[in-house]
Protein backbone atom coordinates (compact mmCIF):
# COMPACT_ATOMS: atom_id res chain seq x y z
CA MET A 1 -29.65 -19.48 -36.04
CA GLU A 2 -31.58 -20.91 -33.10
CA GLU A 3 -30.00 -23.45 -30.83
CA ASP A 4 -31.40 -25.61 -28.03
CA CYS A 5 -28.89 -25.89 -25.22
CA ILE A 6 -29.04 -28.66 -22.64
CA ALA A 7 -26.72 -28.69 -19.65
CA THR A 8 -25.94 -32.07 -18.13
CA GLY A 9 -23.31 -33.27 -15.72
CA GLU A 10 -22.37 -34.75 -12.38
CA MET A 11 -20.94 -33.02 -9.31
CA ASP A 12 -19.19 -29.88 -10.55
CA GLY A 13 -18.85 -31.16 -14.12
CA ARG A 14 -21.00 -29.58 -16.79
CA VAL A 15 -21.59 -30.47 -20.41
CA LEU A 16 -23.17 -27.93 -22.74
CA GLN A 17 -24.74 -29.45 -25.84
CA CYS A 18 -25.87 -26.93 -28.44
CA ASN A 19 -28.04 -28.58 -31.09
CA SER A 20 -28.30 -26.92 -34.47
CA HIS A 21 -28.47 -27.98 -38.10
CA ILE A 22 -24.67 -27.96 -38.31
CA GLY A 23 -24.20 -30.43 -35.45
CA ILE A 24 -23.18 -30.31 -31.84
CA ASN A 25 -20.32 -28.36 -30.36
CA PHE A 26 -19.00 -29.61 -27.02
CA PHE A 27 -17.75 -27.33 -24.31
CA LEU A 28 -16.30 -29.50 -21.57
CA SER A 29 -15.19 -28.61 -18.10
CA SER A 30 -12.30 -30.48 -16.56
CA THR A 31 -14.67 -32.80 -14.68
CA ALA A 32 -17.22 -33.45 -17.40
CA ALA A 33 -17.01 -36.62 -19.45
CA ILE A 34 -18.36 -37.37 -22.91
CA SER A 35 -17.08 -40.57 -24.50
CA THR A 36 -19.02 -40.63 -27.81
CA ILE A 37 -19.55 -38.47 -30.88
CA ARG A 38 -22.24 -39.08 -33.50
CA GLY A 39 -22.87 -38.05 -37.08
CA GLY A 40 -22.65 -34.28 -37.45
CA ASP A 41 -20.93 -33.76 -34.08
CA GLU A 42 -17.59 -31.97 -33.95
CA LEU A 43 -14.72 -32.24 -31.52
CA ASN A 44 -12.38 -29.24 -31.62
CA SER A 45 -9.21 -28.16 -29.85
CA THR A 46 -11.11 -27.04 -26.74
CA SER A 47 -13.10 -30.25 -26.26
CA GLN A 48 -12.23 -33.86 -25.53
CA LEU A 49 -13.67 -37.35 -25.30
CA VAL A 50 -13.08 -39.14 -22.00
CA SER A 51 -13.63 -42.86 -21.44
CA GLN A 52 -16.34 -43.65 -18.91
CA ASN A 53 -13.81 -44.91 -16.37
CA GLY A 54 -11.90 -41.63 -16.74
CA ASN A 55 -8.60 -43.30 -17.58
CA PHE A 56 -8.25 -42.34 -21.25
CA THR A 57 -8.75 -39.07 -23.09
CA LEU A 58 -8.92 -38.31 -26.81
CA GLY A 59 -8.26 -34.79 -28.01
CA PHE A 60 -6.08 -32.46 -30.01
CA PHE A 61 -2.66 -31.68 -28.59
CA THR A 62 -0.12 -29.16 -29.89
CA VAL A 63 3.61 -29.74 -29.51
CA ASP A 64 4.81 -26.29 -28.48
CA ALA A 65 8.36 -26.66 -29.84
CA MET A 66 7.16 -27.32 -33.40
CA GLY A 67 3.62 -25.98 -33.43
CA TYR A 68 2.38 -29.32 -34.74
CA THR A 69 -1.09 -30.47 -33.67
CA TYR A 70 -2.05 -34.14 -33.35
CA LEU A 71 -5.25 -35.98 -32.54
CA GLU A 72 -4.21 -38.44 -29.86
CA ILE A 73 -5.27 -40.69 -27.02
CA TRP A 74 -3.48 -40.43 -23.71
CA TYR A 75 -3.66 -42.15 -20.35
CA GLY A 76 -3.93 -40.07 -17.20
CA ASP A 77 -2.50 -36.55 -17.40
CA LYS A 78 -0.90 -36.61 -20.91
CA THR A 79 2.29 -38.20 -19.62
CA ASP A 80 1.57 -41.40 -21.52
CA MET A 81 0.42 -40.87 -25.11
CA VAL A 82 -0.74 -44.19 -26.54
CA TRP A 83 -2.19 -43.49 -29.99
CA PHE A 84 -2.14 -40.85 -32.77
CA ALA A 85 -4.52 -40.45 -35.69
CA ASN A 86 -2.30 -38.18 -37.78
CA GLN A 87 1.21 -39.23 -36.77
CA ASN A 88 2.61 -38.59 -40.26
CA THR A 89 0.34 -35.67 -41.15
CA PRO A 90 0.59 -33.06 -38.39
CA ILE A 91 -1.73 -30.08 -38.47
CA PHE A 92 -0.06 -26.66 -38.50
CA ASN A 93 -2.65 -24.83 -36.40
CA ASN A 94 -5.17 -25.61 -33.67
CA SER A 95 -8.31 -25.09 -35.79
CA ALA A 96 -8.88 -28.73 -36.80
CA VAL A 97 -11.99 -30.68 -35.84
CA LEU A 98 -12.81 -34.38 -35.57
CA ALA A 99 -16.17 -35.42 -36.95
CA ILE A 100 -18.23 -38.21 -38.49
CA ASP A 101 -18.95 -36.80 -41.92
CA ARG A 102 -22.70 -36.39 -42.52
CA THR A 103 -22.40 -37.38 -46.17
CA THR A 104 -19.97 -40.30 -46.13
CA GLY A 105 -20.29 -41.51 -42.54
CA LYS A 106 -16.49 -41.66 -42.33
CA LEU A 107 -14.43 -40.50 -39.39
CA ILE A 108 -12.49 -37.45 -40.56
CA ILE A 109 -10.29 -34.56 -39.44
CA SER A 110 -11.07 -31.29 -41.19
CA ASN A 111 -9.68 -27.79 -41.07
CA GLY A 112 -11.56 -24.74 -42.29
CA GLY A 113 -14.24 -26.94 -43.87
CA THR A 114 -11.69 -28.97 -45.86
CA THR A 115 -11.06 -32.64 -45.07
CA ILE A 116 -7.35 -33.11 -44.36
CA LEU A 117 -7.41 -36.73 -43.15
CA VAL A 118 -9.87 -39.60 -43.57
CA ILE A 119 -9.28 -41.79 -40.53
CA SER A 120 -11.64 -44.68 -41.29
CA ASP A 121 -11.88 -46.53 -44.59
CA GLU A 122 -15.36 -47.87 -43.93
CA TRP A 123 -18.40 -45.77 -43.17
CA ALA A 124 -21.80 -45.96 -41.51
CA MET A 125 -24.49 -45.74 -44.20
CA ASN A 126 -27.13 -44.39 -41.82
CA ASN A 127 -26.28 -43.82 -38.17
CA GLY A 128 -22.75 -44.00 -36.87
CA SER A 129 -21.01 -43.20 -33.61
CA ALA A 130 -17.42 -43.22 -32.37
CA THR A 131 -16.69 -44.06 -28.73
CA LEU A 132 -13.55 -43.93 -26.63
CA GLN A 133 -13.85 -47.15 -24.66
CA ASP A 134 -12.54 -47.88 -21.17
CA SER A 135 -9.80 -50.00 -22.76
CA GLY A 136 -8.43 -46.96 -24.62
CA ASN A 137 -9.78 -48.26 -27.94
CA PHE A 138 -11.47 -45.64 -30.14
CA VAL A 139 -14.21 -47.43 -32.08
CA LEU A 140 -16.45 -46.37 -34.96
CA ILE A 141 -19.64 -48.45 -35.20
CA ASP A 142 -22.79 -48.57 -37.30
CA ASP A 143 -25.54 -47.86 -34.79
CA THR A 144 -28.11 -49.74 -36.88
CA THR A 145 -26.23 -53.02 -37.28
CA ARG A 146 -23.89 -52.53 -34.27
CA ARG A 147 -21.04 -53.60 -36.54
CA THR A 148 -17.55 -52.31 -35.78
CA LEU A 149 -16.39 -50.34 -38.83
CA TRP A 150 -12.99 -49.21 -37.59
CA GLN A 151 -10.99 -49.19 -34.36
CA SER A 152 -7.74 -47.62 -33.23
CA PHE A 153 -6.52 -50.97 -31.84
CA ASP A 154 -6.14 -52.09 -35.48
CA HIS A 155 -3.84 -49.14 -36.18
CA PRO A 156 -1.13 -49.12 -33.48
CA THR A 157 1.43 -46.33 -33.39
CA ASN A 158 4.14 -46.52 -30.70
CA ALA A 159 2.31 -48.27 -27.85
CA ILE A 160 0.48 -51.48 -26.97
CA LEU A 161 -2.52 -51.50 -24.66
CA PRO A 162 -4.07 -54.69 -23.22
CA GLY A 163 -6.34 -56.20 -25.87
CA MET A 164 -4.16 -55.08 -28.77
CA GLY A 165 -2.13 -57.36 -31.01
CA LEU A 166 0.90 -57.41 -33.29
CA GLY A 167 1.23 -59.45 -36.47
CA PHE A 168 -0.83 -60.12 -39.56
CA ASN A 169 -4.56 -59.44 -39.20
CA CYS A 170 -6.49 -60.87 -42.14
CA THR A 171 -9.68 -59.01 -41.23
CA ILE A 172 -8.10 -55.68 -42.13
CA GLY A 173 -5.34 -57.08 -44.34
CA GLN A 174 -2.49 -55.45 -42.46
CA ASN A 175 0.63 -56.41 -40.55
CA LEU A 176 0.26 -54.62 -37.22
CA LYS A 177 3.48 -53.24 -35.74
CA LEU A 178 4.82 -50.49 -33.53
CA THR A 179 6.89 -47.65 -34.95
CA SER A 180 9.14 -45.27 -33.02
CA TRP A 181 8.85 -41.48 -33.22
CA LEU A 182 11.32 -39.32 -35.11
CA SER A 183 11.88 -37.23 -31.95
CA LYS A 184 10.02 -36.18 -28.83
CA ASP A 185 8.67 -33.20 -30.76
CA ILE A 186 8.12 -34.82 -34.17
CA LEU A 187 5.97 -37.92 -33.89
CA ALA A 188 6.30 -39.15 -37.47
CA HIS A 189 7.36 -42.74 -38.15
CA ALA A 190 11.10 -43.12 -37.71
CA THR A 191 13.96 -45.58 -37.34
CA PHE A 192 12.63 -48.54 -35.32
CA THR A 193 9.74 -50.95 -35.77
CA MET A 194 8.59 -53.82 -33.56
CA SER A 195 6.56 -56.70 -34.98
CA TRP A 196 5.60 -60.33 -34.43
CA GLU A 197 7.67 -62.88 -36.33
CA PRO A 198 6.00 -66.32 -36.44
CA ALA A 199 7.91 -69.59 -36.21
CA ALA A 200 6.80 -73.20 -36.73
CA GLU A 201 5.27 -73.72 -33.29
CA SER A 202 5.70 -70.30 -31.76
CA GLY A 203 7.09 -66.88 -32.65
CA GLN A 204 8.99 -63.93 -31.28
CA LEU A 205 8.96 -60.16 -31.08
CA VAL A 206 11.57 -58.47 -33.25
CA VAL A 207 12.79 -54.89 -33.47
CA TYR A 208 14.27 -53.66 -36.73
CA ARG A 209 16.43 -50.57 -37.19
CA ARG A 210 16.18 -49.25 -40.74
CA GLY A 211 15.31 -52.73 -41.94
CA LYS A 212 18.15 -54.50 -40.07
CA LEU A 213 17.47 -56.81 -37.14
CA TYR A 214 18.27 -54.94 -33.91
CA TRP A 215 16.72 -57.00 -31.10
CA ARG A 216 14.66 -60.13 -30.60
CA SER A 217 12.72 -61.45 -27.63
CA GLY A 218 13.37 -65.13 -28.28
CA LEU A 219 10.56 -67.61 -28.80
CA LEU A 220 7.32 -67.43 -26.82
CA ILE A 221 7.12 -70.62 -24.74
CA ASN A 222 4.58 -71.17 -21.94
CA ASN A 223 3.68 -67.46 -21.80
CA SER A 224 7.32 -66.39 -21.53
CA PHE A 225 9.88 -65.12 -24.03
CA GLU A 226 13.36 -66.63 -24.02
CA PHE A 227 15.20 -63.34 -23.57
CA ILE A 228 12.74 -61.48 -21.33
CA ASP A 229 12.73 -62.49 -17.69
CA GLU A 230 9.61 -64.55 -16.99
CA SER A 231 9.22 -63.06 -13.49
CA PHE A 232 8.54 -59.77 -15.28
CA THR A 233 6.20 -60.78 -18.11
CA ASN A 234 4.23 -63.38 -16.12
CA LYS A 235 3.32 -60.77 -13.52
CA ILE A 236 1.97 -58.41 -16.16
CA TYR A 237 0.78 -60.20 -19.32
CA ASN A 238 -1.04 -63.18 -20.67
CA PHE A 239 -0.07 -63.64 -24.31
CA SER A 240 -2.47 -65.20 -26.80
CA ARG A 241 -1.12 -66.47 -30.11
CA VAL A 242 -3.45 -66.82 -33.08
CA SER A 243 -2.09 -68.97 -35.89
CA ASN A 244 -4.21 -70.23 -38.78
CA SER A 245 -4.46 -69.95 -42.55
CA ASP A 246 -5.67 -66.35 -42.30
CA ASP A 247 -4.15 -64.77 -39.20
CA GLU A 248 -0.76 -64.92 -37.51
CA HIS A 249 -0.54 -62.55 -34.57
CA ILE A 250 -0.05 -62.25 -30.84
CA SER A 251 -2.43 -60.50 -28.44
CA PHE A 252 -1.50 -58.86 -25.15
CA HIS A 253 -3.81 -59.19 -22.13
CA ALA A 254 -3.25 -57.81 -18.65
CA VAL A 255 -2.88 -60.07 -15.63
CA GLY A 256 -5.21 -58.91 -12.87
CA LYS A 257 -6.61 -55.39 -12.71
CA GLY A 258 -3.42 -53.48 -13.38
CA LEU A 259 -2.79 -51.54 -16.58
CA PRO A 260 0.53 -52.22 -18.33
CA LEU A 261 1.65 -49.85 -21.09
CA TRP A 262 4.28 -51.14 -23.54
CA PHE A 263 6.04 -48.49 -25.65
CA LEU A 264 8.62 -48.62 -28.43
CA SER A 265 11.01 -45.81 -27.56
CA LEU A 266 13.02 -43.46 -29.76
CA GLU A 267 16.05 -45.68 -29.14
CA GLY A 268 14.30 -48.91 -30.14
CA LYS A 269 13.83 -50.13 -26.58
CA SER A 270 10.69 -51.67 -25.17
CA ARG A 271 9.68 -49.39 -22.32
CA PHE A 272 7.06 -50.29 -19.71
CA ARG A 273 4.92 -48.38 -17.29
CA TYR A 274 2.53 -50.20 -14.97
CA PHE A 275 -0.45 -48.71 -13.14
CA THR A 276 -2.77 -50.01 -10.44
CA ASP A 277 -5.83 -47.86 -9.69
CA ARG A 278 -4.20 -44.92 -11.54
CA ASP A 279 -1.11 -45.18 -9.32
CA LEU A 280 2.21 -45.77 -11.05
CA LEU A 281 3.72 -48.98 -9.67
CA PHE A 282 6.93 -48.73 -11.67
CA ALA A 283 8.21 -46.64 -14.53
CA ASP A 284 10.69 -46.66 -17.40
CA THR A 285 11.43 -50.35 -17.23
CA SER A 286 13.18 -51.03 -20.51
CA PHE A 287 15.17 -53.53 -22.50
CA PRO A 288 17.42 -54.64 -24.20
CA LYS A 289 19.40 -52.75 -21.56
CA ASP A 290 19.00 -50.45 -18.54
CA VAL A 291 16.43 -52.75 -16.99
CA PHE A 292 14.97 -51.78 -13.65
CA VAL A 293 11.78 -53.22 -12.19
CA LEU A 294 10.79 -52.41 -8.63
CA GLY A 295 10.51 -55.62 -6.63
CA MET A 296 11.02 -57.94 -9.61
CA ASN A 297 14.81 -58.09 -10.15
CA PRO A 298 14.91 -59.18 -13.79
CA LYS A 299 17.98 -61.12 -14.90
CA MET A 300 20.21 -59.23 -17.28
CA ASP A 301 21.46 -62.42 -18.94
CA HIS A 302 17.94 -63.11 -20.21
CA LEU A 303 18.08 -60.03 -22.42
CA HIS A 304 19.39 -60.30 -25.94
CA LYS A 305 20.46 -57.61 -28.36
CA VAL A 306 21.42 -58.40 -31.92
CA SER A 307 24.37 -56.26 -33.03
């Protein structure tokens, strides 16, 4: 089989693209950055997609303790994992590949030539591409119509990134919520969920433990929640509520240029990490208890746990 190889890159980074009738295999150095795959391309365990700003990476990651492999998106150096494609269907080896199927145009994970997970319901009839955006959103689009067919922001796992939302989204017909992991080594859906619960003129965030109310934020009023200190949330987020006959959800947007990450932890806590220019400003801020924010001094009596 003949292949045409083209090396591209910047500085010391180098991308080797080998074009053949079976697609393109990527061999990436640590400084190279490819953010998009197209129909017939394959991303395997030795290659990754990196957003153009370099903040987010998509690739396969194996949990050593269990031997489970997941396709995931992480921020920075894998400390903060923000999305998983196969959270409930781990792969038991590192031979899986991510691809846009040539026949169906769907985004799939396959292993040994067999499709083991169809990630996207919709497909590109002709030309499709999937890009890891600077926001951390992984988006499949039809290159002909430029229509978004699927995006990871519509399928949250355990984390919220700026631009994401929680609540009912009529466009995809789903109630978007966060779900905790089973353990640090098994990332399957577990005990806690966090969702948006609308009220007459507002709404609140609620955490359920095995279907029973565990914690609530209190109503959202003037960009602040009743039981979350406003000096904390107002420095980090602008909240946008959408309420109409079709949709009922809340969107999270960052204040300024910082990057806040909001996680639902194994224990059902909301855990925050906040970055400015890739530097960690504060870490492991959490509620409903054990709150600690550098320089912000949140008030403990504003936090509310339902027992």
